[in-house]
Amino acid sequence: MGEISIKINIADRVYPLRINASEEEVVRKAAKEINDRIKMLMQNYEVKDKQDLLSMCVLHYATAALKFDGKRLIEDEGISEKIAELDQQLTQYLSGQ
């Protein structure tokens, strides 16, 4: 699939984008999540400035992304350790025959 042009509304502003057609659903879902987060922040805090709300939203998603990357790194290291253990056990088993 090729590129398509879409318009995304975030915080009452429209952004024209050119994206791969295969990414459209993800981009629209991301925009909806951002708008939902902004709405939640407006309801829970007395912040009305869109710039402040967007900044708070970005902070939330950046923090979540960093936590995910750190967790993934730890999990990757755990998998690497298990693979090394299995490799060592297989080497010992094969050299014993």
Foldseek 3Di string as FASTA:
>chain_A
DAWDWDWAAAPNDIDIDIDGPVCVVVVNVVRVVRNVQLVVCVVVDVDDDSVVSSVVSVVVVVVVVVVVVVVVVVVVVVVVVVVVVVVVVVVVVVVVD
